[in-house]
Amino acid sequence: MSPNQIRASHILLMYKGSMRSTAARSKDEALATVEGVLAQLAGGANFADMARQHSDCPSSEEGGDLGSFPKGAMIPAFEKAAFALEPGETSGIVETAFGYHLIQRTE
């Protein structure tokens, strides 16, 4: 894979008012949930299982897999965090207009 293209998965927690959101939870509730998911991941939980269980993105059905994407395909905050990761590494909480993300680089 080229340095300008990676593969990643994510977990997205939307909240009322975030872009394209259908979630009823508040921003604070979304943050508390994503913090809990991050703690479970740190404790050894499987990323794909957590995505299926918690993510508001349709990619949750695929364990959060977004497939491969080049630089410029994602919004800047997401892209910056994703491209900064090494394969197998998981980000901290990344906030975008869509909500709160946890990103795992897979390739």
PDB file of N, CA and C in Angstrom:
ATOM      1  N   MET A   1       0.854  -1.179   0.000  1.00  0.00           N
ATOM      2  CA  MET A   1       0.000   0.000   0.000  1.00  0.00           C
ATOM      3  C   MET A   1       0.902   1.245   0.000  1.00  0.00           C
ATOM      4  N   SER A   2       0.556   2.242  -0.756  1.00  0.00           N
ATOM      5  CA  SER A   2       1.388   3.440  -0.866  1.00  0.00           C
ATOM      6  C   SER A   2       1.284   4.286   0.399  1.00  0.00           C
ATOM      7  N   PRO A   3       2.255   5.169   0.627  1.00  0.00           N
ATOM      8  CA  PRO A   3       2.184   6.026   1.814  1.00  0.00           C
ATOM      9  C   PRO A   3       1.030   7.025   1.739  1.00  0.00           C
ATOM     10  N   ASN A   4       0.441   7.173   0.570  1.00  0.00           N
ATOM     11  CA  ASN A   4      -0.685   8.085   0.414  1.00  0.00           C
ATOM     12  C   ASN A   4      -2.035   7.383   0.506  1.00  0.00           C
ATOM     13  N   GLN A   5      -2.015   6.088   0.854  1.00  0.00           N
ATOM     14  CA  GLN A   5      -3.263   5.335   0.990  1.00  0.00           C
ATOM     15  C   GLN A   5      -3.136   4.363   2.148  1.00  0.00           C
ATOM     16  N   ILE A   6      -4.188   4.304   2.968  1.00  0.00           N
ATOM     17  CA  ILE A   6      -4.212   3.380   4.102  1.00  0.00           C
ATOM     18  C   ILE A   6      -5.570   2.684   4.137  1.00  0.00           C
ATOM     19  N   ARG A   7      -5.667   1.702   5.011  1.00  0.00           N
ATOM     20  CA  ARG A   7      -6.946   1.055   5.293  1.00  0.00           C
ATOM     21  C   ARG A   7      -7.196   1.222   6.781  1.00  0.00           C
ATOM     22  N   ALA A   8      -8.430   1.550   7.133  1.00  0.00           N
ATOM     23  CA  ALA A   8      -8.747   1.772   8.540  1.00  0.00           C
ATOM     24  C   ALA A   8     -10.192   1.389   8.834  1.00  0.00           C
ATOM     25  N   SER A   9     -10.441   1.196  10.116  1.00  0.00           N
ATOM     26  CA  SER A   9     -11.788   0.964  10.638  1.00  0.00           C
ATOM     27  C   SER A   9     -12.065   2.071  11.645  1.00  0.00           C
ATOM     28  N   HIS A  10     -13.339   2.289  11.916  1.00  0.00           N
ATOM     29  CA  HIS A  10     -13.635   3.272  12.961  1.00  0.00           C
ATOM     30  C   HIS A  10     -14.913   2.916  13.694  1.00  0.00           C
ATOM     31  N   ILE A  11     -15.043   3.554  14.833  1.00  0.00           N
ATOM     32  CA  ILE A  11     -16.256   3.508  15.647  1.00  0.00           C
ATOM     33  C   ILE A  11     -16.703   4.960  15.736  1.00  0.00           C
ATOM     34  N   LEU A  12     -17.940   5.240  15.368  1.00  0.00           N
ATOM     35  CA  LEU A  12     -18.467   6.601  15.384  1.00  0.00           C
ATOM     36  C   LEU A  12     -19.627   6.695  16.351  1.00  0.00           C
ATOM     37  N   LEU A  13     -19.544   7.656  17.256  1.00  0.00           N
ATOM     38  CA  LEU A  13     -20.638   7.969  18.158  1.00  0.00           C
ATOM     39  C   LEU A  13     -21.181   9.332  17.776  1.00  0.00           C
ATOM     40  N   MET A  14     -22.350   9.341  17.151  1.00  0.00           N
ATOM     41  CA  MET A  14     -23.005  10.588  16.768  1.00  0.00           C
ATOM     42  C   MET A  14     -23.798  11.117  17.955  1.00  0.00           C
ATOM     43  N   TYR A  15     -24.201  12.361  17.854  1.00  0.00           N
ATOM     44  CA  TYR A  15     -25.064  12.949  18.870  1.00  0.00           C
ATOM     45  C   TYR A  15     -26.032  13.899  18.190  1.00  0.00           C
ATOM     46  N   LYS A  16     -27.048  14.273  18.920  1.00  0.00           N
ATOM     47  CA  LYS A  16     -28.067  15.168  18.370  1.00  0.00           C
ATOM     48  C   LYS A  16     -27.394  16.448  17.900  1.00  0.00           C
ATOM     49  N   GLY A  17     -27.559  16.751  16.620  1.00  0.00           N
ATOM     50  CA  GLY A  17     -26.968  17.959  16.063  1.00  0.00           C
ATOM     51  C   GLY A  17     -25.678  17.728  15.296  1.00  0.00           C
ATOM     52  N   SER A  18     -25.073  16.538  15.412  1.00  0.00           N
ATOM     53  CA  SER A  18     -23.868  16.281  14.620  1.00  0.00           C
ATOM     54  C   SER A  18     -24.284  15.999  13.174  1.00  0.00           C
ATOM     55  N   MET A  19     -23.359  16.172  12.250  1.00  0.00           N
ATOM     56  CA  MET A  19     -23.658  16.056  10.830  1.00  0.00           C
ATOM     57  C   MET A  19     -24.222  14.677  10.479  1.00  0.00           C
ATOM     58  N   ARG A  20     -25.323  14.669   9.742  1.00  0.00           N
ATOM     59  CA  ARG A  20     -26.015  13.444   9.292  1.00  0.00           C
ATOM     60  C   ARG A  20     -26.506  12.554  10.438  1.00  0.00           C
ATOM     61  N   SER A  21     -26.614  13.124  11.634  1.00  0.00           N
ATOM     62  CA  SER A  21     -26.969  12.310  12.795  1.00  0.00           C
ATOM     63  C   SER A  21     -28.458  12.014  12.879  1.00  0.00           C
ATOM     64  N   THR A  22     -28.751  10.795  13.278  1.00  0.00           N
ATOM     65  CA  THR A  22     -30.110  10.416  13.642  1.00  0.00           C
ATOM     66  C   THR A  22     -30.137  10.047  15.128  1.00  0.00           C
ATOM     67  N   ALA A  23     -29.026  10.284  15.819  1.00  0.00           N
ATOM     68  CA  ALA A  23     -28.911   9.907  17.230  1.00  0.00           C
ATOM     69  C   ALA A  23     -29.680  10.883  18.114  1.00  0.00           C
ATOM     70  N   ALA A  24     -30.243  10.363  19.177  1.00  0.00           N
ATOM     71  CA  ALA A  24     -30.967  11.193  20.139  1.00  0.00           C
ATOM     72  C   ALA A  24     -30.089  11.576  21.327  1.00  0.00           C
ATOM     73  N   ARG A  25     -28.921  10.921  21.467  1.00  0.00           N
ATOM     74  CA  ARG A  25     -28.072  11.194  22.644  1.00  0.00           C
ATOM     75  C   ARG A  25     -27.477  12.595  22.559  1.00  0.00           C
ATOM     76  N   SER A  26     -27.166  13.156  23.712  1.00  0.00           N
ATOM     77  CA  SER A  26     -26.519  14.464  23.774  1.00  0.00           C
ATOM     78  C   SER A  26     -25.035  14.318  23.447  1.00  0.00           C
ATOM     79  N   LYS A  27     -24.387  15.451  23.219  1.00  0.00           N
ATOM     80  CA  LYS A  27     -22.946  15.434  22.951  1.00  0.00           C
ATOM     81  C   LYS A  27     -22.209  14.841  24.153  1.00  0.00           C
ATOM     82  N   ASP A  28     -22.624  15.205  25.363  1.00  0.00           N
ATOM     83  CA  ASP A  28     -21.989  14.666  26.578  1.00  0.00           C
ATOM     84  C   ASP A  28     -22.198  13.161  26.700  1.00  0.00           C
ATOM     85  N   GLU A  29     -23.384  12.689  26.353  1.00  0.00           N
ATOM     86  CA  GLU A  29     -23.649  11.244  26.394  1.00  0.00           C
ATOM     87  C   GLU A  29     -22.792  10.505  25.365  1.00  0.00           C
ATOM     88  N   ALA A  30     -22.642  11.088  24.184  1.00  0.00           N
ATOM     89  CA  ALA A  30     -21.803  10.472  23.150  1.00  0.00           C
ATOM     90  C   ALA A  30     -20.357  10.402  23.611  1.00  0.00           C
ATOM     91  N   LEU A  31     -19.869  11.480  24.226  1.00  0.00           N
ATOM     92  CA  LEU A  31     -18.497  11.500  24.719  1.00  0.00           C
ATOM     93  C   LEU A  31     -18.300  10.457  25.814  1.00  0.00           C
ATOM     94  N   ALA A  32     -19.250  10.359  26.736  1.00  0.00           N
ATOM     95  CA  ALA A  32     -19.141   9.369  27.814  1.00  0.00           C
ATOM     96  C   ALA A  32     -19.128   7.948  27.235  1.00  0.00           C
ATOM     97  N   THR A  33     -19.961   7.700  26.223  1.00  0.00           N
ATOM     98  CA  THR A  33     -20.005   6.371  25.611  1.00  0.00           C
ATOM     99  C   THR A  33     -18.701   6.052  24.908  1.00  0.00           C
ATOM    100  N   VAL A  34     -18.174   7.002  24.126  1.00  0.00           N
ATOM    101  CA  VAL A  34     -16.936   6.741  23.395  1.00  0.00           C
ATOM    102  C   VAL A  34     -15.765   6.578  24.366  1.00  0.00           C
ATOM    103  N   GLU A  35     -15.783   7.292  25.481  1.00  0.00           N
ATOM    104  CA  GLU A  35     -14.741   7.099  26.505  1.00  0.00           C
ATOM    105  C   GLU A  35     -14.817   5.688  27.077  1.00  0.00           C
ATOM    106  N   GLY A  36     -16.034   5.193  27.296  1.00  0.00           N
ATOM    107  CA  GLY A  36     -16.222   3.833  27.795  1.00  0.00           C
ATOM    108  C   GLY A  36     -15.738   2.790  26.808  1.00  0.00           C
ATOM    109  N   VAL A  37     -16.018   3.009  25.524  1.00  0.00           N
ATOM    110  CA  VAL A  37     -15.564   2.091  24.477  1.00  0.00           C
ATOM    111  C   VAL A  37     -14.037   2.097  24.417  1.00  0.00           C
ATOM    112  N   LEU A  38     -13.438   3.278  24.486  1.00  0.00           N
ATOM    113  CA  LEU A  38     -11.979   3.387  24.461  1.00  0.00           C
ATOM    114  C   LEU A  38     -11.359   2.632  25.637  1.00  0.00           C
ATOM    115  N   ALA A  39     -11.963   2.738  26.800  1.00  0.00           N
ATOM    116  CA  ALA A  39     -11.469   2.015  27.978  1.00  0.00           C
ATOM    117  C   ALA A  39     -11.573   0.505  27.774  1.00  0.00           C
ATOM    118  N   GLN A  40     -12.671   0.052  27.167  1.00  0.00           N
ATOM    119  CA  GLN A  40     -12.821  -1.388  26.901  1.00  0.00           C
ATOM    120  C   GLN A  40     -11.780  -1.863  25.894  1.00  0.00           C
ATOM    121  N   LEU A  41     -11.509  -1.043  24.876  1.00  0.00           N
ATOM    122  CA  LEU A  41     -10.471  -1.398  23.901  1.00  0.00           C
ATOM    123  C   LEU A  41      -9.109  -1.483  24.583  1.00  0.00           C
ATOM    124  N   ALA A  42      -8.833  -0.535  25.460  1.00  0.00           N
ATOM    125  CA  ALA A  42      -7.557  -0.540  26.189  1.00  0.00           C
ATOM    126  C   ALA A  42      -7.439  -1.795  27.060  1.00  0.00           C
ATOM    127  N   GLY A  43      -8.593  -2.315  27.485  1.00  0.00           N
ATOM    128  CA  GLY A  43      -8.622  -3.528  28.287  1.00  0.00           C
ATOM    129  C   GLY A  43      -8.595  -4.801  27.470  1.00  0.00           C
ATOM    130  N   GLY A  44      -8.478  -4.670  26.143  1.00  0.00           N
ATOM    131  CA  GLY A  44      -8.344  -5.850  25.305  1.00  0.00           C
ATOM    132  C   GLY A  44      -9.563  -6.221  24.484  1.00  0.00           C
ATOM    133  N   ALA A  45     -10.625  -5.401  24.516  1.00  0.00           N
ATOM    134  CA  ALA A  45     -11.812  -5.703  23.713  1.00  0.00           C
ATOM    135  C   ALA A  45     -11.460  -5.666  22.229  1.00  0.00           C
ATOM    136  N   ASN A  46     -12.165  -6.469  21.437  1.00  0.00           N
ATOM    137  CA  ASN A  46     -11.946  -6.549  19.998  1.00  0.00           C
ATOM    138  C   ASN A  46     -12.580  -5.340  19.307  1.00  0.00           C
ATOM    139  N   PHE A  47     -11.783  -4.647  18.471  1.00  0.00           N
ATOM    140  CA  PHE A  47     -12.256  -3.424  17.817  1.00  0.00           C
ATOM    141  C   PHE A  47     -13.489  -3.687  16.957  1.00  0.00           C
ATOM    142  N   ALA A  48     -13.449  -4.719  16.125  1.00  0.00           N
ATOM    143  CA  ALA A  48     -14.577  -5.013  15.236  1.00  0.00           C
ATOM    144  C   ALA A  48     -15.843  -5.327  16.024  1.00  0.00           C
ATOM    145  N   ASP A  49     -15.709  -6.074  17.115  1.00  0.00           N
ATOM    146  CA  ASP A  49     -16.873  -6.386  17.952  1.00  0.00           C
ATOM    147  C   ASP A  49     -17.453  -5.113  18.564  1.00  0.00           C
ATOM    148  N   MET A  50     -16.568  -4.227  19.016  1.00  0.00           N
ATOM    149  CA  MET A  50     -17.025  -2.972  19.627  1.00  0.00           C
ATOM    150  C   MET A  50     -17.688  -2.078  18.575  1.00  0.00           C
ATOM    151  N   ALA A  51     -17.176  -2.101  17.345  1.00  0.00           N
ATOM    152  CA  ALA A  51     -17.792  -1.321  16.266  1.00  0.00           C
ATOM    153  C   ALA A  51     -19.199  -1.832  15.975  1.00  0.00           C
ATOM    154  N   ARG A  52     -19.331  -3.167  15.884  1.00  0.00           N
ATOM    155  CA  ARG A  52     -20.654  -3.740  15.616  1.00  0.00           C
ATOM    156  C   ARG A  52     -21.641  -3.355  16.713  1.00  0.00           C
ATOM    157  N   GLN A  53     -21.163  -3.298  17.936  1.00  0.00           N
ATOM    158  CA  GLN A  53     -22.023  -3.046  19.087  1.00  0.00           C
ATOM    159  C   GLN A  53     -22.350  -1.566  19.272  1.00  0.00           C
ATOM    160  N   HIS A  54     -21.403  -0.665  19.000  1.00  0.00           N
ATOM    161  CA  HIS A  54     -21.563   0.733  19.400  1.00  0.00           C
ATOM    162  C   HIS A  54     -21.592   1.762  18.277  1.00  0.00           C
ATOM    163  N   SER A  55     -21.014   1.477  17.115  1.00  0.00           N
ATOM    164  CA  SER A  55     -20.846   2.510  16.098  1.00  0.00           C
ATOM    165  C   SER A  55     -22.156   2.886  15.423  1.00  0.00           C
ATOM    166  N   ASP A  56     -22.313   4.196  15.175  1.00  0.00           N
ATOM    167  CA  ASP A  56     -23.490   4.710  14.472  1.00  0.00           C
ATOM    168  C   ASP A  56     -23.285   4.754  12.962  1.00  0.00           C
ATOM    169  N   CYS A  57     -22.128   4.368  12.488  1.00  0.00           N
ATOM    170  CA  CYS A  57     -21.830   4.383  11.059  1.00  0.00           C
ATOM    171  C   CYS A  57     -22.314   3.076  10.423  1.00  0.00           C
ATOM    172  N   PRO A  58     -22.825   3.127   9.186  1.00  0.00           N
ATOM    173  CA  PRO A  58     -23.203   1.880   8.511  1.00  0.00           C
ATOM    174  C   PRO A  58     -22.056   0.877   8.417  1.00  0.00           C
ATOM    175  N   SER A  59     -20.810   1.363   8.488  1.00  0.00           N
ATOM    176  CA  SER A  59     -19.657   0.453   8.458  1.00  0.00           C
ATOM    177  C   SER A  59     -19.627  -0.481   9.657  1.00  0.00           C
ATOM    178  N   SER A  60     -20.448  -0.202  10.666  1.00  0.00           N
ATOM    179  CA  SER A  60     -20.466  -1.056  11.862  1.00  0.00           C
ATOM    180  C   SER A  60     -20.772  -2.510  11.506  1.00  0.00           C
ATOM    181  N   GLU A  61     -21.586  -2.707  10.455  1.00  0.00           N
ATOM    182  CA  GLU A  61     -21.926  -4.070  10.035  1.00  0.00           C
ATOM    183  C   GLU A  61     -20.688  -4.828   9.569  1.00  0.00           C
ATOM    184  N   GLU A  62     -19.667  -4.106   9.124  1.00  0.00           N
ATOM    185  CA  GLU A  62     -18.407  -4.705   8.677  1.00  0.00           C
ATOM    186  C   GLU A  62     -17.331  -4.575   9.758  1.00  0.00           C
ATOM    187  N   GLY A  63     -17.745  -4.420  11.001  1.00  0.00           N
ATOM    188  CA  GLY A  63     -16.781  -4.255  12.086  1.00  0.00           C
ATOM    189  C   GLY A  63     -16.078  -2.907  12.044  1.00  0.00           C
ATOM    190  N   GLY A  64     -16.704  -1.942  11.377  1.00  0.00           N
ATOM    191  CA  GLY A  64     -16.148  -0.594  11.297  1.00  0.00           C
ATOM    192  C   GLY A  64     -15.221  -0.373  10.117  1.00  0.00           C
ATOM    193  N   ASP A  65     -15.019  -1.406   9.291  1.00  0.00           N
ATOM    194  CA  ASP A  65     -14.066  -1.318   8.180  1.00  0.00           C
ATOM    195  C   ASP A  65     -14.510  -0.282   7.157  1.00  0.00           C
ATOM    196  N   LEU A  66     -13.643   0.687   6.899  1.00  0.00           N
ATOM    197  CA  LEU A  66     -13.896   1.710   5.889  1.00  0.00           C
ATOM    198  C   LEU A  66     -13.219   1.383   4.568  1.00  0.00           C
ATOM    199  N   GLY A  67     -12.472   0.289   4.528  1.00  0.00           N
ATOM    200  CA  GLY A  67     -11.720  -0.061   3.337  1.00  0.00           C
ATOM    201  C   GLY A  67     -10.504   0.836   3.195  1.00  0.00           C
ATOM    202  N   SER A  68      -9.895   0.803   2.017  1.00  0.00           N
ATOM    203  CA  SER A  68      -8.717   1.625   1.735  1.00  0.00           C
ATOM    204  C   SER A  68      -9.168   2.988   1.243  1.00  0.00           C
ATOM    205  N   PHE A  69      -8.411   4.009   1.622  1.00  0.00           N
ATOM    206  CA  PHE A  69      -8.727   5.350   1.132  1.00  0.00           C
ATOM    207  C   PHE A  69      -7.445   6.166   1.018  1.00  0.00           C
ATOM    208  N   PRO A  70      -7.424   7.088   0.036  1.00  0.00           N
ATOM    209  CA  PRO A  70      -6.252   7.929  -0.165  1.00  0.00           C
ATOM    210  C   PRO A  70      -6.339   9.210   0.671  1.00  0.00           C
ATOM    211  N   LYS A  71      -5.237   9.898   0.752  1.00  0.00           N
ATOM    212  CA  LYS A  71      -5.253  11.227   1.368  1.00  0.00           C
ATOM    213  C   LYS A  71      -6.230  12.087   0.579  1.00  0.00           C
ATOM    214  N   GLY A  72      -6.972  12.893   1.299  1.00  0.00           N
ATOM    215  CA  GLY A  72      -7.941  13.779   0.664  1.00  0.00           C
ATOM    216  C   GLY A  72      -9.349  13.218   0.601  1.00  0.00           C
ATOM    217  N   ALA A  73      -9.526  11.950   0.968  1.00  0.00           N
ATOM    218  CA  ALA A  73     -10.850  11.325   0.871  1.00  0.00           C
ATOM    219  C   ALA A  73     -11.708  11.550   2.118  1.00  0.00           C
ATOM    220  N   MET A  74     -11.073  11.787   3.251  1.00  0.00           N
ATOM    221  CA  MET A  74     -11.786  11.949   4.519  1.00  0.00           C
ATOM    222  C   MET A  74     -11.665  13.402   4.994  1.00  0.00           C
ATOM    223  N   ILE A  75     -12.534  13.778   5.929  1.00  0.00           N
ATOM    224  CA  ILE A  75     -12.435  15.133   6.460  1.00  0.00           C
ATOM    225  C   ILE A  75     -11.112  15.290   7.216  1.00  0.00           C
ATOM    226  N   PRO A  76     -10.557  16.511   7.258  1.00  0.00           N
ATOM    227  CA  PRO A  76      -9.184  16.710   7.740  1.00  0.00           C
ATOM    228  C   PRO A  76      -8.840  16.123   9.112  1.00  0.00           C
ATOM    229  N   ALA A  77      -9.675  16.320  10.125  1.00  0.00           N
ATOM    230  CA  ALA A  77      -9.332  15.815  11.464  1.00  0.00           C
ATOM    231  C   ALA A  77      -9.247  14.291  11.471  1.00  0.00           C
ATOM    232  N   PHE A  78     -10.156  13.637  10.762  1.00  0.00           N
ATOM    233  CA  PHE A  78     -10.157  12.174  10.677  1.00  0.00           C
ATOM    234  C   PHE A  78      -8.915  11.714   9.925  1.00  0.00           C
ATOM    235  N   GLU A  79      -8.648  12.338   8.776  1.00  0.00           N
ATOM    236  CA  GLU A  79      -7.503  11.952   7.963  1.00  0.00           C
ATOM    237  C   GLU A  79      -6.191  12.121   8.719  1.00  0.00           C
ATOM    238  N   LYS A  80      -6.031  13.246   9.385  1.00  0.00           N
ATOM    239  CA  LYS A  80      -4.793  13.512  10.131  1.00  0.00           C
ATOM    240  C   LYS A  80      -4.554  12.417  11.175  1.00  0.00           C
ATOM    241  N   ALA A  81      -5.594  12.064  11.916  1.00  0.00           N
ATOM    242  CA  ALA A  81      -5.467  11.033  12.949  1.00  0.00           C
ATOM    243  C   ALA A  81      -5.191   9.664  12.332  1.00  0.00           C
ATOM    244  N   ALA A  82      -5.919   9.315  11.278  1.00  0.00           N
ATOM    245  CA  ALA A  82      -5.775   7.991  10.653  1.00  0.00           C
ATOM    246  C   ALA A  82      -4.380   7.806  10.060  1.00  0.00           C
ATOM    247  N   PHE A  83      -3.898   8.808   9.347  1.00  0.00           N
ATOM    248  CA  PHE A  83      -2.590   8.684   8.695  1.00  0.00           C
ATOM    249  C   PHE A  83      -1.436   8.761   9.690  1.00  0.00           C
ATOM    250  N   ALA A  84      -1.686   9.249  10.899  1.00  0.00           N
ATOM    251  CA  ALA A  84      -0.641   9.312  11.928  1.00  0.00           C
ATOM    252  C   ALA A  84      -0.433   7.964  12.613  1.00  0.00           C
ATOM    253  N   LEU A  85      -1.390   7.045  12.453  1.00  0.00           N
ATOM    254  CA  LEU A  85      -1.323   5.741  13.106  1.00  0.00           C
ATOM    255  C   LEU A  85      -0.428   4.779  12.327  1.00  0.00           C
ATOM    256  N   GLU A  86       0.182   3.870  13.052  1.00  0.00           N
ATOM    257  CA  GLU A  86       0.879   2.736  12.443  1.00  0.00           C
ATOM    258  C   GLU A  86      -0.138   1.607  12.280  1.00  0.00           C
ATOM    259  N   PRO A  87       0.051   0.696  11.307  1.00  0.00           N
ATOM    260  CA  PRO A  87      -0.869  -0.429  11.180  1.00  0.00           C
ATOM    261  C   PRO A  87      -1.024  -1.180  12.515  1.00  0.00           C
ATOM    262  N   GLY A  88      -2.267  -1.442  12.883  1.00  0.00           N
ATOM    263  CA  GLY A  88      -2.571  -2.124  14.136  1.00  0.00           C
ATOM    264  C   GLY A  88      -2.804  -1.190  15.301  1.00  0.00           C
ATOM    265  N   GLU A  89      -2.497   0.085  15.124  1.00  0.00           N
ATOM    266  CA  GLU A  89      -2.636   1.057  16.211  1.00  0.00           C
ATOM    267  C   GLU A  89      -4.039   1.659  16.210  1.00  0.00           C
ATOM    268  N   THR A  90      -4.519   2.036  17.405  1.00  0.00           N
ATOM    269  CA  THR A  90      -5.829   2.658  17.566  1.00  0.00           C
ATOM    270  C   THR A  90      -5.651   4.063  18.110  1.00  0.00           C
ATOM    271  N   SER A  91      -6.425   4.983  17.576  1.00  0.00           N
ATOM    272  CA  SER A  91      -6.344   6.386  18.004  1.00  0.00           C
ATOM    273  C   SER A  91      -7.015   6.594  19.350  1.00  0.00           C
ATOM    274  N   GLY A  92      -6.793   7.773  19.879  1.00  0.00           N
ATOM    275  CA  GLY A  92      -7.621   8.270  20.967  1.00  0.00           C
ATOM    276  C   GLY A  92      -8.913   8.794  20.353  1.00  0.00           C
ATOM    277  N   ILE A  93      -9.662   9.569  21.086  1.00  0.00           N
ATOM    278  CA  ILE A  93     -10.925  10.112  20.600  1.00  0.00           C
ATOM    279  C   ILE A  93     -10.638  11.247  19.615  1.00  0.00           C
ATOM    280  N   VAL A  94     -11.255  11.162  18.451  1.00  0.00           N
ATOM    281  CA  VAL A  94     -11.109  12.175  17.407  1.00  0.00           C
ATOM    282  C   VAL A  94     -12.487  12.790  17.178  1.00  0.00           C
ATOM    283  N   GLU A  95     -12.589  14.105  17.353  1.00  0.00           N
ATOM    284  CA  GLU A  95     -13.874  14.776  17.151  1.00  0.00           C
ATOM    285  C   GLU A  95     -13.930  15.388  15.759  1.00  0.00           C
ATOM    286  N   THR A  96     -15.037  15.126  15.057  1.00  0.00           N
ATOM    287  CA  THR A  96     -15.297  15.750  13.761  1.00  0.00           C
ATOM    288  C   THR A  96     -16.736  16.269  13.786  1.00  0.00           C
ATOM    289  N   ALA A  97     -17.160  16.856  12.687  1.00  0.00           N
ATOM    290  CA  ALA A  97     -18.541  17.333  12.575  1.00  0.00           C
ATOM    291  C   ALA A  97     -19.553  16.197  12.664  1.00  0.00           C
ATOM    292  N   PHE A  98     -19.095  14.960  12.424  1.00  0.00           N
ATOM    293  CA  PHE A  98     -19.982  13.796  12.473  1.00  0.00           C
ATOM    294  C   PHE A  98     -20.162  13.244  13.883  1.00  0.00           C
ATOM    295  N   GLY A  99     -19.253  13.577  14.788  1.00  0.00           N
ATOM    296  CA  GLY A  99     -19.314  13.065  16.152  1.00  0.00           C
ATOM    297  C   GLY A  99     -17.932  12.671  16.627  1.00  0.00           C
ATOM    298  N   TYR A 100     -17.888  11.668  17.490  1.00  0.00           N
ATOM    299  CA  TYR A 100     -16.627  11.194  18.070  1.00  0.00           C
ATOM    300  C   TYR A 100     -16.236   9.858  17.426  1.00  0.00           C
ATOM    301  N   HIS A 101     -14.983   9.781  17.015  1.00  0.00           N
ATOM    302  CA  HIS A 101     -14.472   8.578  16.360  1.00  0.00           C
ATOM    303  C   HIS A 101     -13.349   7.952  17.173  1.00  0.00           C
ATOM    304  N   LEU A 102     -13.251   6.635  17.074  1.00  0.00           N
ATOM    305  CA  LEU A 102     -12.070   5.882  17.437  1.00  0.00           C
ATOM    306  C   LEU A 102     -11.638   5.225  16.133  1.00  0.00           C
ATOM    307  N   ILE A 103     -10.385   5.373  15.775  1.00  0.00           N
ATOM    308  CA  ILE A 103      -9.899   4.894  14.481  1.00  0.00           C
ATOM    309  C   ILE A 103      -8.823   3.834  14.711  1.00  0.00           C
ATOM    310  N   GLN A 104      -8.928   2.743  13.981  1.00  0.00           N
ATOM    311  CA  GLN A 104      -7.888   1.722  14.005  1.00  0.00           C
ATOM    312  C   GLN A 104      -7.353   1.560  12.587  1.00  0.00           C
ATOM    313  N   ARG A 105      -6.049   1.802  12.429  1.00  0.00           N
ATOM    314  CA  ARG A 105      -5.440   1.592  11.117  1.00  0.00           C
ATOM    315  C   ARG A 105      -5.198   0.101  10.954  1.00  0.00           C
ATOM    316  N   THR A 106      -5.656  -0.464   9.862  1.00  0.00           N
ATOM    317  CA  THR A 106      -5.529  -1.896   9.644  1.00  0.00           C
ATOM    318  C   THR A 106      -4.452  -2.227   8.616  1.00  0.00           C
ATOM    319  N   GLU A 107      -4.115  -1.304   7.713  1.00  0.00           N
ATOM    320  CA  GLU A 107      -3.023  -1.517   6.743  1.00  0.00           C
ATOM    321  C   GLU A 107      -2.344  -0.189   6.489  1.00  0.00           C
TER     322      GLU A 107
END
